N, C-alpha and C. Protein backbone atom coordinates (compact mmCIF):
# COMPACT_ATOMS: atom_id res chain seq x y z
N MET A 1 8.00 32.67 -41.81
CA MET A 1 8.28 32.85 -40.38
C MET A 1 8.05 34.19 -39.86
N PRO A 2 7.26 34.60 -38.85
CA PRO A 2 7.11 35.98 -38.45
C PRO A 2 8.37 36.43 -37.80
N ARG A 3 8.61 37.67 -37.80
CA ARG A 3 9.99 38.26 -36.83
C ARG A 3 9.53 38.28 -35.47
N HIS A 4 8.37 38.70 -35.19
CA HIS A 4 8.20 38.79 -33.73
C HIS A 4 7.01 37.72 -33.18
N THR A 5 7.72 36.74 -32.69
CA THR A 5 6.76 35.60 -32.26
C THR A 5 6.48 35.71 -30.58
N HIS A 6 5.35 35.74 -30.16
CA HIS A 6 5.00 35.67 -28.80
C HIS A 6 5.49 34.33 -28.12
N LYS A 7 6.33 34.50 -27.13
CA LYS A 7 6.70 33.47 -26.29
C LYS A 7 6.13 33.41 -24.88
N ARG A 8 5.87 32.13 -24.53
CA ARG A 8 5.15 32.19 -23.18
C ARG A 8 6.25 32.01 -22.17
N LYS A 9 6.13 32.58 -20.97
CA LYS A 9 7.16 32.47 -19.69
C LYS A 9 6.98 30.91 -19.23
N ALA A 10 7.98 30.49 -18.70
CA ALA A 10 8.12 28.98 -18.44
C ALA A 10 7.20 28.84 -17.06
N SER A 11 7.19 30.02 -16.27
CA SER A 11 6.48 29.81 -15.22
C SER A 11 4.96 29.72 -15.43
N ALA A 12 4.45 29.97 -16.61
CA ALA A 12 3.03 29.84 -16.83
C ALA A 12 2.49 28.50 -16.81
N HIS A 13 3.34 27.53 -16.98
CA HIS A 13 3.11 26.09 -17.26
C HIS A 13 3.47 25.42 -15.80
N SER A 14 4.10 25.89 -14.88
CA SER A 14 4.50 25.16 -13.78
C SER A 14 3.29 24.82 -12.97
N LYS A 15 3.38 23.62 -12.32
CA LYS A 15 2.21 22.98 -11.61
C LYS A 15 2.19 23.59 -10.33
N SER A 16 1.17 23.37 -9.65
CA SER A 16 1.08 24.01 -8.39
C SER A 16 1.77 22.95 -7.38
N LYS A 17 2.46 23.44 -6.40
CA LYS A 17 3.10 22.47 -5.55
C LYS A 17 2.30 22.16 -4.09
N THR A 18 1.10 22.57 -4.15
CA THR A 18 0.25 22.29 -3.08
C THR A 18 -0.29 21.12 -3.07
N ALA A 19 -0.31 20.51 -4.14
CA ALA A 19 -0.96 19.01 -4.54
C ALA A 19 0.04 18.13 -3.84
N LYS A 20 1.41 18.32 -4.07
CA LYS A 20 2.39 17.42 -3.71
C LYS A 20 2.42 17.34 -2.22
N ASN A 21 2.27 18.24 -1.45
CA ASN A 21 2.33 18.36 0.06
C ASN A 21 1.44 17.71 0.71
N VAL A 22 0.10 17.37 0.07
CA VAL A 22 -1.04 16.98 0.91
C VAL A 22 -0.89 15.51 0.75
N ARG A 23 -1.09 14.89 1.87
CA ARG A 23 -0.71 13.52 2.16
C ARG A 23 -2.28 12.95 2.39
N PRO A 24 -2.57 11.76 1.53
CA PRO A 24 -4.04 11.35 1.72
C PRO A 24 -4.31 10.71 2.96
N SER A 25 -5.45 10.96 3.38
CA SER A 25 -5.82 10.48 4.86
C SER A 25 -6.48 8.95 4.66
N GLY A 26 -6.42 8.15 5.47
CA GLY A 26 -6.77 6.72 5.59
C GLY A 26 -5.95 6.01 6.59
N LEU A 27 -6.43 4.71 6.89
CA LEU A 27 -5.82 4.00 7.77
C LEU A 27 -4.44 3.43 7.10
N ARG A 28 -4.59 3.04 5.80
CA ARG A 28 -3.44 2.41 5.36
C ARG A 28 -2.25 3.36 5.14
N THR A 29 -2.57 4.70 4.75
CA THR A 29 -1.41 5.56 4.62
C THR A 29 -1.07 6.07 5.96
N SER A 30 -1.88 6.24 6.92
CA SER A 30 -1.63 7.08 8.07
C SER A 30 -0.70 6.17 9.08
N ASN A 31 -1.19 4.79 9.00
CA ASN A 31 -0.65 3.89 10.01
C ASN A 31 -0.29 2.56 9.20
N PRO A 32 0.69 2.48 8.28
CA PRO A 32 1.19 1.34 7.31
C PRO A 32 1.58 0.21 8.34
N LYS A 33 2.19 0.53 9.47
CA LYS A 33 2.76 -0.62 10.11
C LYS A 33 1.65 -1.39 10.71
N VAL A 34 0.44 -0.96 11.15
CA VAL A 34 -0.72 -1.72 11.39
C VAL A 34 -1.24 -2.53 10.54
N GLY A 35 -0.96 -2.36 9.13
CA GLY A 35 -1.32 -3.20 8.09
C GLY A 35 -0.38 -4.16 8.11
N VAL A 36 0.77 -4.06 8.28
CA VAL A 36 1.90 -5.13 8.28
C VAL A 36 1.50 -6.00 9.35
N PHE A 37 1.29 -5.74 10.53
CA PHE A 37 1.07 -6.60 11.66
C PHE A 37 -0.33 -7.26 11.57
N LEU A 38 -1.29 -6.59 10.96
CA LEU A 38 -2.51 -7.28 10.68
C LEU A 38 -2.29 -8.36 9.53
N GLY A 39 -1.52 -8.06 8.74
CA GLY A 39 -1.24 -9.20 7.84
C GLY A 39 -0.30 -10.43 8.21
N LEU A 40 0.43 -10.19 9.16
CA LEU A 40 1.35 -11.08 9.49
C LEU A 40 0.58 -11.96 10.66
N PHE A 41 -0.57 -11.44 11.15
CA PHE A 41 -1.52 -11.90 12.07
C PHE A 41 -2.25 -12.94 11.23
N PHE A 42 -2.81 -12.37 10.09
CA PHE A 42 -3.49 -13.31 9.23
C PHE A 42 -2.81 -14.56 8.72
N VAL A 43 -1.58 -14.44 8.45
CA VAL A 43 -0.76 -15.45 7.90
C VAL A 43 -0.57 -16.36 9.19
N ALA A 44 -0.32 -15.92 10.39
CA ALA A 44 -0.07 -16.85 11.48
C ALA A 44 -1.39 -17.74 11.80
N LEU A 45 -2.43 -16.75 11.70
CA LEU A 45 -3.65 -17.56 12.01
C LEU A 45 -4.08 -18.72 11.06
N GLY A 46 -4.04 -18.35 9.78
CA GLY A 46 -4.13 -19.45 8.64
C GLY A 46 -3.28 -20.63 8.77
N ALA A 47 -1.85 -20.42 9.38
CA ALA A 47 -0.90 -21.56 9.50
C ALA A 47 -1.40 -22.19 10.58
N TYR A 48 -1.85 -21.45 11.75
CA TYR A 48 -2.49 -22.35 12.89
C TYR A 48 -3.61 -23.38 12.64
N ILE A 49 -4.57 -22.47 11.80
CA ILE A 49 -5.59 -23.56 11.54
C ILE A 49 -5.26 -24.55 10.48
N GLN A 50 -4.47 -24.38 9.73
CA GLN A 50 -3.96 -25.20 8.75
C GLN A 50 -3.28 -26.57 9.44
N VAL A 51 -2.41 -26.26 10.38
CA VAL A 51 -1.66 -27.18 11.09
C VAL A 51 -2.50 -27.97 12.00
N PHE A 52 -3.14 -27.18 12.87
CA PHE A 52 -3.84 -27.84 14.11
C PHE A 52 -5.30 -28.10 14.12
N GLN A 53 -6.13 -27.26 13.10
CA GLN A 53 -7.64 -27.19 13.17
C GLN A 53 -8.21 -27.89 12.00
N SER A 54 -7.28 -28.03 10.91
CA SER A 54 -7.88 -28.35 9.74
C SER A 54 -8.43 -29.90 9.49
N HIS A 55 -9.41 -30.28 10.07
CA HIS A 55 -10.06 -31.60 9.90
C HIS A 55 -11.14 -31.66 8.93
N GLY A 56 -11.47 -30.79 8.31
CA GLY A 56 -12.32 -30.89 7.20
C GLY A 56 -11.95 -29.99 6.00
N ASN A 57 -12.47 -29.94 4.74
CA ASN A 57 -12.18 -29.22 3.68
C ASN A 57 -12.58 -27.59 3.98
N ALA A 58 -13.83 -27.65 4.84
CA ALA A 58 -13.83 -26.08 4.93
C ALA A 58 -12.83 -25.34 5.90
N MET A 59 -12.13 -25.94 7.02
CA MET A 59 -11.39 -25.38 7.85
C MET A 59 -10.20 -25.05 6.75
N SER A 60 -9.67 -26.09 5.89
CA SER A 60 -8.50 -25.98 5.00
C SER A 60 -8.63 -24.56 4.18
N GLY A 61 -9.90 -24.55 3.52
CA GLY A 61 -10.12 -23.41 2.65
C GLY A 61 -10.08 -22.29 3.32
N ILE A 62 -10.68 -21.93 4.60
CA ILE A 62 -10.57 -20.87 5.42
C ILE A 62 -9.17 -20.52 5.80
N ALA A 63 -8.18 -21.50 6.10
CA ALA A 63 -6.80 -21.36 6.36
C ALA A 63 -6.02 -20.74 5.02
N ILE A 64 -6.24 -21.41 3.85
CA ILE A 64 -5.76 -20.83 2.83
C ILE A 64 -6.16 -19.46 2.54
N LEU A 65 -7.46 -19.12 2.63
CA LEU A 65 -7.84 -17.57 2.59
C LEU A 65 -7.26 -16.79 3.51
N SER A 66 -7.01 -17.18 4.66
CA SER A 66 -6.48 -16.47 5.58
C SER A 66 -4.94 -16.03 5.20
N ILE A 67 -4.17 -17.19 4.96
CA ILE A 67 -2.95 -16.84 4.40
C ILE A 67 -2.83 -15.84 3.29
N ILE A 68 -3.64 -16.21 2.20
CA ILE A 68 -3.62 -15.21 0.96
C ILE A 68 -4.10 -13.89 1.39
N VAL A 69 -5.02 -13.60 2.03
CA VAL A 69 -5.37 -12.26 2.64
C VAL A 69 -4.29 -11.38 3.39
N GLY A 70 -3.62 -12.36 4.32
CA GLY A 70 -2.52 -11.88 4.93
C GLY A 70 -1.32 -11.41 4.24
N VAL A 71 -0.85 -12.37 3.26
CA VAL A 71 0.16 -11.88 2.41
C VAL A 71 -0.18 -10.70 1.69
N VAL A 72 -1.21 -10.53 1.00
CA VAL A 72 -1.58 -9.45 0.04
C VAL A 72 -1.75 -8.21 0.93
N THR A 73 -2.19 -8.21 2.38
CA THR A 73 -2.17 -7.02 3.29
C THR A 73 -0.80 -6.82 3.62
N VAL A 74 0.33 -7.53 3.73
CA VAL A 74 1.48 -7.18 4.19
C VAL A 74 2.12 -6.55 2.74
N ILE A 75 1.90 -7.14 1.47
CA ILE A 75 2.21 -6.29 0.38
C ILE A 75 1.81 -5.12 0.17
N ILE A 76 0.62 -4.75 0.37
CA ILE A 76 0.02 -3.53 0.19
C ILE A 76 0.48 -2.48 1.23
N ALA A 77 0.72 -3.17 2.37
CA ALA A 77 1.37 -2.15 3.54
C ALA A 77 2.63 -1.85 3.44
N ARG A 78 3.45 -2.61 2.95
CA ARG A 78 4.80 -2.43 2.56
C ARG A 78 4.97 -1.38 1.27
N PHE A 79 4.02 -1.34 0.47
CA PHE A 79 4.35 -0.47 -0.44
C PHE A 79 3.79 1.06 0.04
N SER A 80 3.12 1.14 1.38
CA SER A 80 2.63 2.30 1.91
C SER A 80 3.51 2.90 2.83
N VAL A 81 4.56 2.18 3.23
CA VAL A 81 5.56 2.59 4.27
C VAL A 81 6.40 3.60 3.55
N PRO A 82 6.54 4.88 4.18
CA PRO A 82 7.39 5.97 3.58
C PRO A 82 8.82 5.55 3.54
N ARG A 83 9.50 5.62 2.51
CA ARG A 83 10.98 5.25 2.38
C ARG A 83 11.93 6.62 2.65
N LYS A 84 12.77 6.22 3.36
CA LYS A 84 13.70 7.38 3.72
C LYS A 84 14.83 7.60 2.56
N LYS A 85 14.68 9.08 2.37
CA LYS A 85 15.59 9.50 1.15
C LYS A 85 17.06 9.57 1.50
N THR A 86 17.87 9.06 0.74
CA THR A 86 19.33 8.87 0.65
C THR A 86 19.84 9.80 -0.28
N ASP A 87 20.40 10.94 0.23
CA ASP A 87 20.93 11.93 -0.78
C ASP A 87 22.32 12.10 -0.50
């Protein structure tokens, strides 16, 4: 074991803080509430088509796809909503 080993400073390995402060741009991240309302609109549209307008297999399929797209949109938008920090 050598007597004089070279030790690196801890600050040499610290990561840059500028990357943490930059928010990605985009509709989903800038306006997540729009995604929630859009998803709820798709769910309501699918429910309306399923209840009142589904006289054939095609309309039932469109209604179910609309409901699925709406639910997925709401879930993704809910993940994008910033959470309040509780300290």
